[in-house]
Amino acid sequence: MLRKELIFKTIQDTKTESSDMFDVLFEDDFPQQPSGSLDCGVFMVMYAECLSYSHKVISTEFDSNTLCIRYAALLWDYGIRKLEANAISDVEASLRPGRLSRITSVTEVVDV
């Protein structure tokens, strides 16, 4: 276990001069990635998903490989549906016209 997860309880009165912005409560039963594991993103996404759907965070161990497969399947399905609908996201569609290249056949290009 790398560290204990934190639950932040904000203090209602933010006008105080105190440097203590919130109380920290330690939870012992949150799932944690094994030491030396590089799959912390799965734990982060699972925690965010639980919070966004107002679910309690799982207090038992879960299989990170199964979650990776689940999220990959969700992204694959989203991509297929997007292709079938011929949809373009705002981040993919250029809001500005592309820059014109000022490189001519005479200009020497140096890769820095």
Protein backbone atom coordinates (compact mmCIF):
# COMPACT_ATOMS: atom_id res chain seq x y z
CA MET A 1 0.00 0.00 0.00
CA LEU A 2 1.49 3.30 -1.08
CA ARG A 3 -0.45 5.70 1.11
CA LYS A 4 -3.71 6.23 2.88
CA GLU A 5 -6.38 7.97 0.85
CA LEU A 6 -7.68 11.30 2.09
CA ILE A 7 -11.17 12.59 2.51
CA PHE A 8 -11.28 16.37 2.62
CA LYS A 9 -13.94 17.97 4.72
CA THR A 10 -14.09 21.66 3.94
CA ILE A 11 -14.63 24.17 6.69
CA GLN A 12 -17.81 26.18 6.19
CA ASP A 13 -16.42 29.49 7.44
CA THR A 14 -13.82 30.59 4.88
CA LYS A 15 -13.54 34.11 6.34
CA THR A 16 -11.39 33.00 9.27
CA GLU A 17 -7.77 34.06 9.47
CA SER A 18 -6.73 30.49 10.23
CA SER A 19 -4.28 28.77 7.92
CA ASP A 20 -6.20 25.50 8.39
CA MET A 21 -8.36 25.35 5.26
CA PHE A 22 -9.85 21.90 5.86
CA ASP A 23 -9.80 18.89 8.13
CA VAL A 24 -8.14 15.73 6.82
CA LEU A 25 -9.72 12.38 7.62
CA PHE A 26 -7.73 9.24 6.88
CA GLU A 27 -9.57 6.23 5.45
CA ASP A 28 -8.00 2.81 5.84
CA ASP A 29 -10.23 0.77 3.55
CA PHE A 30 -9.88 2.55 0.18
CA PRO A 31 -8.48 0.42 -2.64
CA GLN A 32 -4.83 1.14 -3.30
CA GLN A 33 -2.49 0.21 -6.08
CA PRO A 34 0.23 -2.30 -5.25
CA SER A 35 3.68 -0.91 -4.52
CA GLY A 36 5.64 -0.52 -7.76
CA SER A 37 2.50 -0.64 -9.90
CA LEU A 38 2.07 1.84 -12.73
CA ASP A 39 -1.73 1.69 -12.97
CA CYS A 40 -2.55 4.67 -10.71
CA GLY A 41 -4.65 6.18 -13.52
CA VAL A 42 -7.21 3.39 -13.20
CA PHE A 43 -7.58 4.09 -9.49
CA MET A 44 -7.97 7.81 -10.20
CA VAL A 45 -10.58 7.25 -12.93
CA MET A 46 -12.52 4.81 -10.76
CA TYR A 47 -12.54 7.29 -7.87
CA ALA A 48 -13.70 10.10 -10.20
CA GLU A 49 -16.42 7.87 -11.65
CA CYS A 50 -17.71 7.00 -8.17
CA LEU A 51 -17.79 10.68 -7.22
CA SER A 52 -19.46 11.81 -10.45
CA TYR A 53 -22.30 9.29 -10.06
CA SER A 54 -22.59 9.95 -6.30
CA HIS A 55 -21.61 6.35 -5.53
CA LYS A 56 -19.64 5.42 -2.48
CA VAL A 57 -16.03 4.68 -3.25
CA ILE A 58 -15.42 0.95 -3.26
CA SER A 59 -13.96 -0.08 0.08
CA THR A 60 -12.64 -3.43 -1.10
CA GLU A 61 -9.91 -4.49 -3.47
CA PHE A 62 -10.81 -4.42 -7.14
CA ASP A 63 -9.16 -5.83 -10.24
CA SER A 64 -7.36 -3.04 -12.09
CA ASN A 65 -6.96 -5.23 -15.22
CA THR A 66 -10.72 -5.68 -15.46
CA LEU A 67 -11.22 -1.93 -15.08
CA CYS A 68 -8.64 -1.24 -17.82
CA ILE A 69 -10.54 -3.56 -20.15
CA ARG A 70 -13.85 -1.92 -19.20
CA TYR A 71 -12.58 1.60 -19.88
CA ALA A 72 -10.93 0.52 -23.13
CA ALA A 73 -14.23 -1.02 -24.26
CA LEU A 74 -16.12 2.17 -23.36
CA LEU A 75 -13.66 4.31 -25.33
CA TRP A 76 -13.78 1.90 -28.30
CA ASP A 77 -17.59 1.98 -28.31
CA TYR A 78 -17.58 5.78 -28.10
CA GLY A 79 -15.13 6.00 -31.00
CA ILE A 80 -17.19 3.63 -33.18
CA ARG A 81 -20.42 5.52 -32.48
CA LYS A 82 -18.66 8.80 -33.23
CA LEU A 83 -17.35 7.46 -36.55
CA GLU A 84 -20.76 6.11 -37.53
CA ALA A 85 -22.35 9.49 -36.77
CA ASN A 86 -19.54 11.28 -38.64
CA ALA A 87 -19.14 13.52 -35.58
CA ILE A 88 -16.24 15.85 -34.91
CA SER A 89 -15.44 17.09 -31.41
CA ASP A 90 -14.71 20.74 -30.76
CA VAL A 91 -11.13 19.90 -29.83
CA GLU A 92 -10.64 18.11 -33.15
CA ALA A 93 -12.19 20.78 -35.33
CA SER A 94 -9.98 23.75 -35.92
CA LEU A 95 -11.58 27.02 -34.89
CA ARG A 96 -8.96 29.03 -36.75
CA PRO A 97 -7.87 28.53 -40.32
CA GLY A 98 -4.60 26.66 -40.57
CA ARG A 99 -1.40 28.67 -40.86
CA LEU A 100 0.02 28.99 -44.29
CA SER A 101 3.52 27.66 -44.61
CA ARG A 102 6.00 30.32 -45.61
CA ILE A 103 8.61 27.75 -46.55
CA THR A 104 9.52 27.87 -50.21
CA SER A 105 11.80 25.64 -52.20
CA VAL A 106 14.59 28.20 -51.75
CA THR A 107 14.29 28.37 -47.93
CA GLU A 108 16.56 26.09 -45.96
CA VAL A 109 14.71 24.26 -43.19
CA VAL A 110 16.63 23.42 -40.04
CA ASP A 111 15.14 20.93 -37.60
CA VAL A 112 15.89 22.15 -34.08
